[in-house]
PDB file of N, CA and C in Angstrom:
ATOM      1  N   MET A   1     -92.781 -55.067 -34.317  1.00  0.00           N
ATOM      2  CA  MET A   1     -92.714 -53.867 -33.517  1.00  0.00           C
ATOM      3  C   MET A   1     -93.265 -54.180 -32.140  1.00  0.00           C
ATOM      4  N   THR A   2     -92.645 -53.602 -31.143  1.00  0.00           N
ATOM      5  CA  THR A   2     -93.149 -53.700 -29.788  1.00  0.00           C
ATOM      6  C   THR A   2     -93.030 -52.338 -29.135  1.00  0.00           C
ATOM      7  N   CYS A   3     -93.990 -51.993 -28.317  1.00  0.00           N
ATOM      8  CA  CYS A   3     -93.913 -50.719 -27.622  1.00  0.00           C
ATOM      9  C   CYS A   3     -94.726 -50.793 -26.339  1.00  0.00           C
ATOM     10  N   GLY A   4     -94.486 -49.845 -25.481  1.00  0.00           N
ATOM     11  CA  GLY A   4     -95.213 -49.831 -24.220  1.00  0.00           C
ATOM     12  C   GLY A   4     -94.972 -48.557 -23.451  1.00  0.00           C
ATOM     13  N   PRO A   5     -95.682 -48.382 -22.355  1.00  0.00           N
ATOM     14  CA  PRO A   5     -95.581 -47.157 -21.565  1.00  0.00           C
ATOM     15  C   PRO A   5     -94.285 -47.096 -20.770  1.00  0.00           C
ATOM     16  N   LEU A   6     -93.847 -45.891 -20.510  1.00  0.00           N
ATOM     17  CA  LEU A   6     -92.749 -45.630 -19.594  1.00  0.00           C
ATOM     18  C   LEU A   6     -93.333 -45.007 -18.330  1.00  0.00           C
ATOM     19  N   ALA A   7     -92.695 -45.171 -17.249  1.00  0.00           N
ATOM     20  CA  ALA A   7     -93.011 -44.497 -15.982  1.00  0.00           C
ATOM     21  C   ALA A   7     -94.420 -44.744 -15.483  1.00  0.00           C
ATOM     22  N   ASP A   8     -95.386 -43.887 -15.849  1.00  0.00           N
ATOM     23  CA  ASP A   8     -96.708 -43.941 -15.218  1.00  0.00           C
ATOM     24  C   ASP A   8     -97.622 -45.036 -15.762  1.00  0.00           C
ATOM     25  N   GLY A   9     -97.241 -45.671 -16.856  1.00  0.00           N
ATOM     26  CA  GLY A   9     -98.039 -46.776 -17.381  1.00  0.00           C
ATOM     27  C   GLY A   9     -99.298 -46.375 -18.114  1.00  0.00           C
ATOM     28  N   ASN A  10     -99.487 -45.111 -18.389  1.00  0.00           N
ATOM     29  CA  ASN A  10    -100.689 -44.646 -19.067  1.00  0.00           C
ATOM     30  C   ASN A  10    -100.372 -44.418 -20.538  1.00  0.00           C
ATOM     31  N   LEU A  11    -100.872 -45.277 -21.423  1.00  0.00           N
ATOM     32  CA  LEU A  11    -100.589 -45.160 -22.859  1.00  0.00           C
ATOM     33  C   LEU A  11    -101.148 -43.902 -23.486  1.00  0.00           C
ATOM     34  N   ARG A  12    -102.160 -43.319 -22.920  1.00  0.00           N
ATOM     35  CA  ARG A  12    -102.763 -42.138 -23.541  1.00  0.00           C
ATOM     36  C   ARG A  12    -102.055 -40.845 -23.179  1.00  0.00           C
ATOM     37  N   THR A  13    -101.442 -40.748 -22.000  1.00  0.00           N
ATOM     38  CA  THR A  13    -100.822 -39.492 -21.593  1.00  0.00           C
ATOM     39  C   THR A  13     -99.353 -39.611 -21.239  1.00  0.00           C
ATOM     40  N   GLY A  14     -98.873 -40.790 -20.910  1.00  0.00           N
ATOM     41  CA  GLY A  14     -97.483 -40.964 -20.517  1.00  0.00           C
ATOM     42  C   GLY A  14     -96.583 -41.180 -21.711  1.00  0.00           C
ATOM     43  N   PRO A  15     -95.257 -41.101 -21.487  1.00  0.00           N
ATOM     44  CA  PRO A  15     -94.314 -41.367 -22.571  1.00  0.00           C
ATOM     45  C   PRO A  15     -94.357 -42.839 -22.965  1.00  0.00           C
ATOM     46  N   ILE A  16     -93.937 -43.115 -24.190  1.00  0.00           N
ATOM     47  CA  ILE A  16     -93.958 -44.469 -24.740  1.00  0.00           C
ATOM     48  C   ILE A  16     -92.570 -44.757 -25.310  1.00  0.00           C
ATOM     49  N   SER A  17     -92.126 -45.982 -25.154  1.00  0.00           N
ATOM     50  CA  SER A  17     -90.882 -46.405 -25.810  1.00  0.00           C
ATOM     51  C   SER A  17     -91.193 -47.613 -26.672  1.00  0.00           C
ATOM     52  N   GLY A  18     -90.341 -47.857 -27.642  1.00  0.00           N
ATOM     53  CA  GLY A  18     -90.586 -48.991 -28.517  1.00  0.00           C
ATOM     54  C   GLY A  18     -89.325 -49.467 -29.196  1.00  0.00           C
ATOM     55  N   LEU A  19     -89.451 -50.598 -29.839  1.00  0.00           N
ATOM     56  CA  LEU A  19     -88.385 -51.207 -30.606  1.00  0.00           C
ATOM     57  C   LEU A  19     -89.008 -51.707 -31.901  1.00  0.00           C
ATOM     58  N   VAL A  20     -88.398 -51.340 -33.024  1.00  0.00           N
ATOM     59  CA  VAL A  20     -88.952 -51.713 -34.320  1.00  0.00           C
ATOM     60  C   VAL A  20     -87.829 -52.207 -35.236  1.00  0.00           C
ATOM     61  N   ALA A  21     -88.140 -53.174 -36.067  1.00  0.00           N
ATOM     62  CA  ALA A  21     -87.182 -53.653 -37.066  1.00  0.00           C
ATOM     63  C   ALA A  21     -87.035 -52.592 -38.150  1.00  0.00           C
ATOM     64  N   ALA A  22     -85.821 -52.438 -38.631  1.00  0.00           N
ATOM     65  CA  ALA A  22     -85.545 -51.472 -39.688  1.00  0.00           C
ATOM     66  C   ALA A  22     -85.040 -52.206 -40.923  1.00  0.00           C
ATOM     67  N   ALA A  23     -85.249 -51.605 -42.076  1.00  0.00           N
ATOM     68  CA  ALA A  23     -84.706 -52.161 -43.314  1.00  0.00           C
ATOM     69  C   ALA A  23     -83.182 -52.146 -43.225  1.00  0.00           C
ATOM     70  N   SER A  24     -82.536 -53.013 -43.973  1.00  0.00           N
ATOM     71  CA  SER A  24     -81.081 -53.154 -43.888  1.00  0.00           C
ATOM     72  C   SER A  24     -80.320 -51.909 -44.315  1.00  0.00           C
ATOM     73  N   ASP A  25     -80.961 -51.002 -45.055  1.00  0.00           N
ATOM     74  CA  ASP A  25     -80.274 -49.783 -45.476  1.00  0.00           C
ATOM     75  C   ASP A  25     -80.529 -48.596 -44.557  1.00  0.00           C
ATOM     76  N   VAL A  26     -81.298 -48.767 -43.489  1.00  0.00           N
ATOM     77  CA  VAL A  26     -81.613 -47.674 -42.559  1.00  0.00           C
ATOM     78  C   VAL A  26     -80.565 -47.624 -41.454  1.00  0.00           C
ATOM     79  N   ARG A  27     -80.024 -46.408 -41.213  1.00  0.00           N
ATOM     80  CA  ARG A  27     -79.047 -46.234 -40.143  1.00  0.00           C
ATOM     81  C   ARG A  27     -79.491 -45.210 -39.090  1.00  0.00           C
ATOM     82  N   ARG A  28     -80.539 -44.453 -39.414  1.00  0.00           N
ATOM     83  CA  ARG A  28     -81.019 -43.442 -38.478  1.00  0.00           C
ATOM     84  C   ARG A  28     -82.467 -43.121 -38.812  1.00  0.00           C
ATOM     85  N   VAL A  29     -83.283 -42.903 -37.770  1.00  0.00           N
ATOM     86  CA  VAL A  29     -84.685 -42.538 -37.955  1.00  0.00           C
ATOM     87  C   VAL A  29     -84.943 -41.233 -37.214  1.00  0.00           C
ATOM     88  N   VAL A  30     -85.621 -40.296 -37.864  1.00  0.00           N
ATOM     89  CA  VAL A  30     -86.016 -39.047 -37.234  1.00  0.00           C
ATOM     90  C   VAL A  30     -87.538 -39.023 -37.158  1.00  0.00           C
ATOM     91  N   LEU A  31     -88.055 -38.902 -35.940  1.00  0.00           N
ATOM     92  CA  LEU A  31     -89.501 -38.803 -35.718  1.00  0.00           C
ATOM     93  C   LEU A  31     -89.873 -37.354 -35.483  1.00  0.00           C
ATOM     94  N   LYS A  32     -90.925 -36.876 -36.155  1.00  0.00           N
ATOM     95  CA  LYS A  32     -91.465 -35.542 -35.913  1.00  0.00           C
ATOM     96  C   LYS A  32     -92.722 -35.711 -35.065  1.00  0.00           C
ATOM     97  N   TYR A  33     -92.747 -35.036 -33.918  1.00  0.00           N
ATOM     98  CA  TYR A  33     -93.860 -35.161 -32.981  1.00  0.00           C
ATOM     99  C   TYR A  33     -94.911 -34.074 -33.208  1.00  0.00           C
ATOM    100  N   SER A  34     -96.101 -34.324 -32.706  1.00  0.00           N
ATOM    101  CA  SER A  34     -97.229 -33.412 -32.890  1.00  0.00           C
ATOM    102  C   SER A  34     -96.959 -32.016 -32.329  1.00  0.00           C
ATOM    103  N   GLY A  35     -96.079 -31.869 -31.361  1.00  0.00           N
ATOM    104  CA  GLY A  35     -95.758 -30.557 -30.801  1.00  0.00           C
ATOM    105  C   GLY A  35     -94.739 -29.782 -31.608  1.00  0.00           C
ATOM    106  N   GLY A  36     -94.200 -30.379 -32.694  1.00  0.00           N
ATOM    107  CA  GLY A  36     -93.234 -29.707 -33.548  1.00  0.00           C
ATOM    108  C   GLY A  36     -91.788 -30.111 -33.289  1.00  0.00           C
ATOM    109  N   SER A  37     -91.511 -30.782 -32.185  1.00  0.00           N
ATOM    110  CA  SER A  37     -90.152 -31.228 -31.900  1.00  0.00           C
ATOM    111  C   SER A  37     -89.848 -32.514 -32.662  1.00  0.00           C
ATOM    112  N   THR A  38     -88.585 -32.909 -32.639  1.00  0.00           N
ATOM    113  CA  THR A  38     -88.171 -34.142 -33.294  1.00  0.00           C
ATOM    114  C   THR A  38     -87.312 -34.977 -32.347  1.00  0.00           C
ATOM    115  N   GLY A  39     -87.221 -36.251 -32.659  1.00  0.00           N
ATOM    116  CA  GLY A  39     -86.328 -37.161 -31.958  1.00  0.00           C
ATOM    117  C   GLY A  39     -85.556 -37.947 -32.989  1.00  0.00           C
ATOM    118  N   THR A  40     -84.260 -38.145 -32.751  1.00  0.00           N
ATOM    119  CA  THR A  40     -83.406 -38.880 -33.676  1.00  0.00           C
ATOM    120  C   THR A  40     -82.917 -40.146 -32.994  1.00  0.00           C
ATOM    121  N   PHE A  41     -83.047 -41.283 -33.686  1.00  0.00           N
ATOM    122  CA  PHE A  41     -82.734 -42.578 -33.105  1.00  0.00           C
ATOM    123  C   PHE A  41     -81.893 -43.393 -34.081  1.00  0.00           C
ATOM    124  N   PRO A  42     -80.727 -43.863 -33.640  1.00  0.00           N
ATOM    125  CA  PRO A  42     -79.868 -44.666 -34.521  1.00  0.00           C
ATOM    126  C   PRO A  42     -80.384 -46.093 -34.653  1.00  0.00           C
ATOM    127  N   ALA A  43     -80.089 -46.690 -35.784  1.00  0.00           N
ATOM    128  CA  ALA A  43     -80.370 -48.116 -35.980  1.00  0.00           C
ATOM    129  C   ALA A  43     -79.149 -48.885 -35.486  1.00  0.00           C
ATOM    130  N   ALA A  44     -79.395 -50.058 -34.939  1.00  0.00           N
ATOM    131  CA  ALA A  44     -78.304 -50.893 -34.433  1.00  0.00           C
ATOM    132  C   ALA A  44     -78.442 -52.304 -34.986  1.00  0.00           C
ATOM    133  N   ALA A  45     -77.306 -52.893 -35.310  1.00  0.00           N
ATOM    134  CA  ALA A  45     -77.293 -54.275 -35.795  1.00  0.00           C
ATOM    135  C   ALA A  45     -77.458 -55.219 -34.614  1.00  0.00           C
ATOM    136  N   ALA A  46     -78.313 -56.223 -34.792  1.00  0.00           N
ATOM    137  CA  ALA A  46     -78.546 -57.226 -33.751  1.00  0.00           C
ATOM    138  C   ALA A  46     -78.815 -58.570 -34.410  1.00  0.00           C
ATOM    139  N   ASP A  47     -77.864 -59.459 -34.320  1.00  0.00           N
ATOM    140  CA  ASP A  47     -78.026 -60.816 -34.841  1.00  0.00           C
ATOM    141  C   ASP A  47     -78.431 -60.832 -36.317  1.00  0.00           C
ATOM    142  N   GLY A  48     -77.785 -60.004 -37.108  1.00  0.00           N
ATOM    143  CA  GLY A  48     -78.052 -59.967 -38.544  1.00  0.00           C
ATOM    144  C   GLY A  48     -79.240 -59.114 -38.957  1.00  0.00           C
ATOM    145  N   ASN A  49     -79.894 -58.482 -38.008  1.00  0.00           N
ATOM    146  CA  ASN A  49     -81.033 -57.606 -38.294  1.00  0.00           C
ATOM    147  C   ASN A  49     -80.699 -56.189 -37.839  1.00  0.00           C
ATOM    148  N   TRP A  50     -81.497 -55.239 -38.283  1.00  0.00           N
ATOM    149  CA  TRP A  50     -81.336 -53.854 -37.844  1.00  0.00           C
ATOM    150  C   TRP A  50     -82.567 -53.460 -37.037  1.00  0.00           C
ATOM    151  N   LEU A  51     -82.321 -52.827 -35.881  1.00  0.00           N
ATOM    152  CA  LEU A  51     -83.393 -52.424 -34.980  1.00  0.00           C
ATOM    153  C   LEU A  51     -83.235 -50.955 -34.605  1.00  0.00           C
ATOM    154  N   VAL A  52     -84.383 -50.327 -34.326  1.00  0.00           N
ATOM    155  CA  VAL A  52     -84.381 -48.945 -33.857  1.00  0.00           C
ATOM    156  C   VAL A  52     -85.193 -48.885 -32.563  1.00  0.00           C
ATOM    157  N   GLY A  53     -84.567 -48.404 -31.498  1.00  0.00           N
ATOM    158  CA  GLY A  53     -85.281 -48.119 -30.264  1.00  0.00           C
ATOM    159  C   GLY A  53     -85.706 -46.665 -30.315  1.00  0.00           C
ATOM    160  N   TYR A  54     -86.920 -46.368 -29.887  1.00  0.00           N
ATOM    161  CA  TYR A  54     -87.416 -44.994 -29.991  1.00  0.00           C
ATOM    162  C   TYR A  54     -88.265 -44.632 -28.780  1.00  0.00           C
ATOM    163  N   ALA A  55     -88.548 -43.346 -28.649  1.00  0.00           N
ATOM    164  CA  ALA A  55     -89.392 -42.844 -27.565  1.00  0.00           C
ATOM    165  C   ALA A  55     -90.352 -41.797 -28.115  1.00  0.00           C
ATOM    166  N   ILE A  56     -91.546 -41.776 -27.551  1.00  0.00           N
ATOM    167  CA  ILE A  56     -92.543 -40.759 -27.866  1.00  0.00           C
ATOM    168  C   ILE A  56     -92.850 -40.047 -26.554  1.00  0.00           C
ATOM    169  N   PRO A  57     -92.560 -38.742 -26.466  1.00  0.00           N
ATOM    170  CA  PRO A  57     -92.793 -38.023 -25.217  1.00  0.00           C
ATOM    171  C   PRO A  57     -94.273 -38.008 -24.807  1.00  0.00           C
ATOM    172  N   ALA A  58     -94.495 -37.810 -23.529  1.00  0.00           N
ATOM    173  CA  ALA A  58     -95.859 -37.733 -22.988  1.00  0.00           C
ATOM    174  C   ALA A  58     -96.666 -36.663 -23.715  1.00  0.00           C
ATOM    175  N   HIS A  59     -97.918 -36.947 -23.944  1.00  0.00           N
ATOM    176  CA  HIS A  59     -98.897 -36.024 -24.533  1.00  0.00           C
ATOM    177  C   HIS A  59     -98.641 -35.705 -26.006  1.00  0.00           C
ATOM    178  N   LEU A  60     -97.711 -36.411 -26.656  1.00  0.00           N
ATOM    179  CA  LEU A  60     -97.422 -36.160 -28.060  1.00  0.00           C
ATOM    180  C   LEU A  60     -97.654 -37.431 -28.862  1.00  0.00           C
ATOM    181  N   SER A  61     -97.747 -37.263 -30.170  1.00  0.00           N
ATOM    182  CA  SER A  61     -97.825 -38.402 -31.081  1.00  0.00           C
ATOM    183  C   SER A  61     -96.852 -38.149 -32.228  1.00  0.00           C
ATOM    184  N   VAL A  62     -96.553 -39.190 -32.969  1.00  0.00           N
ATOM    185  CA  VAL A  62     -95.668 -39.062 -34.131  1.00  0.00           C
ATOM    186  C   VAL A  62     -96.531 -38.696 -35.334  1.00  0.00           C
ATOM    187  N   VAL A  63     -96.162 -37.620 -36.009  1.00  0.00           N
ATOM    188  CA  VAL A  63     -96.914 -37.208 -37.191  1.00  0.00           C
ATOM    189  C   VAL A  63     -96.197 -37.562 -38.490  1.00  0.00           C
ATOM    190  N   HIS A  64     -94.875 -37.814 -38.399  1.00  0.00           N
ATOM    191  CA  HIS A  64     -94.112 -38.140 -39.596  1.00  0.00           C
ATOM    192  C   HIS A  64     -92.778 -38.740 -39.183  1.00  0.00           C
ATOM    193  N   SER A  65     -92.225 -39.578 -40.035  1.00  0.00           N
ATOM    194  CA  SER A  65     -90.878 -40.097 -39.794  1.00  0.00           C
ATOM    195  C   SER A  65     -90.110 -40.133 -41.101  1.00  0.00           C
ATOM    196  N   GLU A  66     -88.799 -40.016 -40.975  1.00  0.00           N
ATOM    197  CA  GLU A  66     -87.916 -40.178 -42.124  1.00  0.00           C
ATOM    198  C   GLU A  66     -86.807 -41.129 -41.722  1.00  0.00           C
ATOM    199  N   GLU A  67     -86.465 -42.029 -42.634  1.00  0.00           N
ATOM    200  CA  GLU A  67     -85.406 -42.989 -42.421  1.00  0.00           C
ATOM    201  C   GLU A  67     -84.232 -42.599 -43.314  1.00  0.00           C
ATOM    202  N   TYR A  68     -83.020 -42.623 -42.739  1.00  0.00           N
ATOM    203  CA  TYR A  68     -81.822 -42.201 -43.452  1.00  0.00           C
ATOM    204  C   TYR A  68     -80.836 -43.352 -43.585  1.00  0.00           C
ATOM    205  N   GLY A  69     -80.128 -43.374 -44.710  1.00  0.00           N
ATOM    206  CA  GLY A  69     -79.146 -44.413 -44.984  1.00  0.00           C
ATOM    207  C   GLY A  69     -77.748 -44.033 -44.526  1.00  0.00           C
ATOM    208  N   THR A  70     -76.777 -44.841 -44.901  1.00  0.00           N
ATOM    209  CA  THR A  70     -75.396 -44.672 -44.453  1.00  0.00           C
ATOM    210  C   THR A  70     -74.765 -43.362 -44.900  1.00  0.00           C
ATOM    211  N   SER A  71     -75.184 -42.823 -46.023  1.00  0.00           N
ATOM    212  CA  SER A  71     -74.628 -41.565 -46.528  1.00  0.00           C
ATOM    213  C   SER A  71     -75.493 -40.363 -46.171  1.00  0.00           C
ATOM    214  N   GLY A  72     -76.497 -40.564 -45.331  1.00  0.00           N
ATOM    215  CA  GLY A  72     -77.379 -39.467 -44.937  1.00  0.00           C
ATOM    216  C   GLY A  72     -78.546 -39.243 -45.882  1.00  0.00           C
ATOM    217  N   GLN A  73     -78.684 -40.098 -46.880  1.00  0.00           N
ATOM    218  CA  GLN A  73     -79.772 -39.953 -47.842  1.00  0.00           C
ATOM    219  C   GLN A  73     -81.086 -40.478 -47.242  1.00  0.00           C
ATOM    220  N   VAL A  74     -82.199 -39.884 -47.636  1.00  0.00           N
ATOM    221  CA  VAL A  74     -83.514 -40.369 -47.202  1.00  0.00           C
ATOM    222  C   VAL A  74     -83.808 -41.658 -47.953  1.00  0.00           C
ATOM    223  N   VAL A  75     -84.096 -42.731 -47.202  1.00  0.00           N
ATOM    224  CA  VAL A  75     -84.414 -44.020 -47.819  1.00  0.00           C
ATOM    225  C   VAL A  75     -85.867 -44.426 -47.587  1.00  0.00           C
ATOM    226  N   GLY A  76     -86.598 -43.621 -46.822  1.00  0.00           N
ATOM    227  CA  GLY A  76     -88.005 -43.912 -46.590  1.00  0.00           C
ATOM    228  C   GLY A  76     -88.642 -42.878 -45.684  1.00  0.00           C
ATOM    229  N   SER A  77     -89.966 -42.832 -45.710  1.00  0.00           N
ATOM    230  CA  SER A  77     -90.713 -41.958 -44.810  1.00  0.00           C
ATOM    231  C   SER A  77     -92.112 -42.535 -44.635  1.00  0.00           C
ATOM    232  N   THR A  78     -92.729 -42.190 -43.517  1.00  0.00           N
ATOM    233  CA  THR A  78     -94.070 -42.683 -43.227  1.00  0.00           C
ATOM    234  C   THR A  78     -94.865 -41.624 -42.484  1.00  0.00           C
ATOM    235  N   ALA A  79     -96.196 -41.780 -42.516  1.00  0.00           N
ATOM    236  CA  ALA A  79     -97.057 -40.994 -41.647  1.00  0.00           C
ATOM    237  C   ALA A  79     -96.915 -41.555 -40.241  1.00  0.00           C
ATOM    238  N   GLY A  80     -97.407 -40.859 -39.249  1.00  0.00           N
ATOM    239  CA  GLY A  80     -97.199 -41.240 -37.857  1.00  0.00           C
ATOM    240  C   GLY A  80     -97.833 -42.522 -37.394  1.00  0.00           C
ATOM    241  N   THR A  81     -98.912 -42.969 -38.007  1.00  0.00           N
ATOM    242  CA  THR A  81     -99.686 -44.101 -37.511  1.00  0.00           C
ATOM    243  C   THR A  81     -98.869 -45.338 -37.170  1.00  0.00           C
ATOM    244  N   PRO A  82     -97.885 -45.778 -37.994  1.00  0.00           N
ATOM    245  CA  PRO A  82     -97.160 -46.997 -37.652  1.00  0.00           C
ATOM    246  C   PRO A  82     -96.351 -46.913 -36.351  1.00  0.00           C
ATOM    247  N   TRP A  83     -96.110 -45.709 -35.849  1.00  0.00           N
ATOM    248  CA  TRP A  83     -95.296 -45.531 -34.655  1.00  0.00           C
ATOM    249  C   TRP A  83     -96.112 -45.549 -33.369  1.00  0.00           C
ATOM    250  N   GLU A  84     -97.419 -45.622 -33.470  1.00  0.00           N
ATOM    251  CA  GLU A  84     -98.254 -45.640 -32.271  1.00  0.00           C
ATOM    252  C   GLU A  84     -98.414 -47.064 -31.759  1.00  0.00           C
ATOM    253  N   CYS A  85     -98.602 -47.203 -30.454  1.00  0.00           N
ATOM    254  CA  CYS A  85     -98.820 -48.528 -29.859  1.00  0.00           C
ATOM    255  C   CYS A  85    -100.188 -49.056 -30.239  1.00  0.00           C
TER     256      CYS A  85
END
């Protein structure tokens, strides 16, 4: 996993973007943010691996995520901690 600040460069208050490896059965990730909104990010194939690029808006954190497979089924979920820089 790699992540870093966008725009203002402040990890505590600015937006964050990242790139994370996904399991081979993951095709979409939905992040639920601390403010109640969500973000949906597709998985993309890259050199035989699956990757997900994501963003965390300024002043928010990820509280939960769900990973979805090719048929829309839930294939995994996590608490927010793994999504933080």
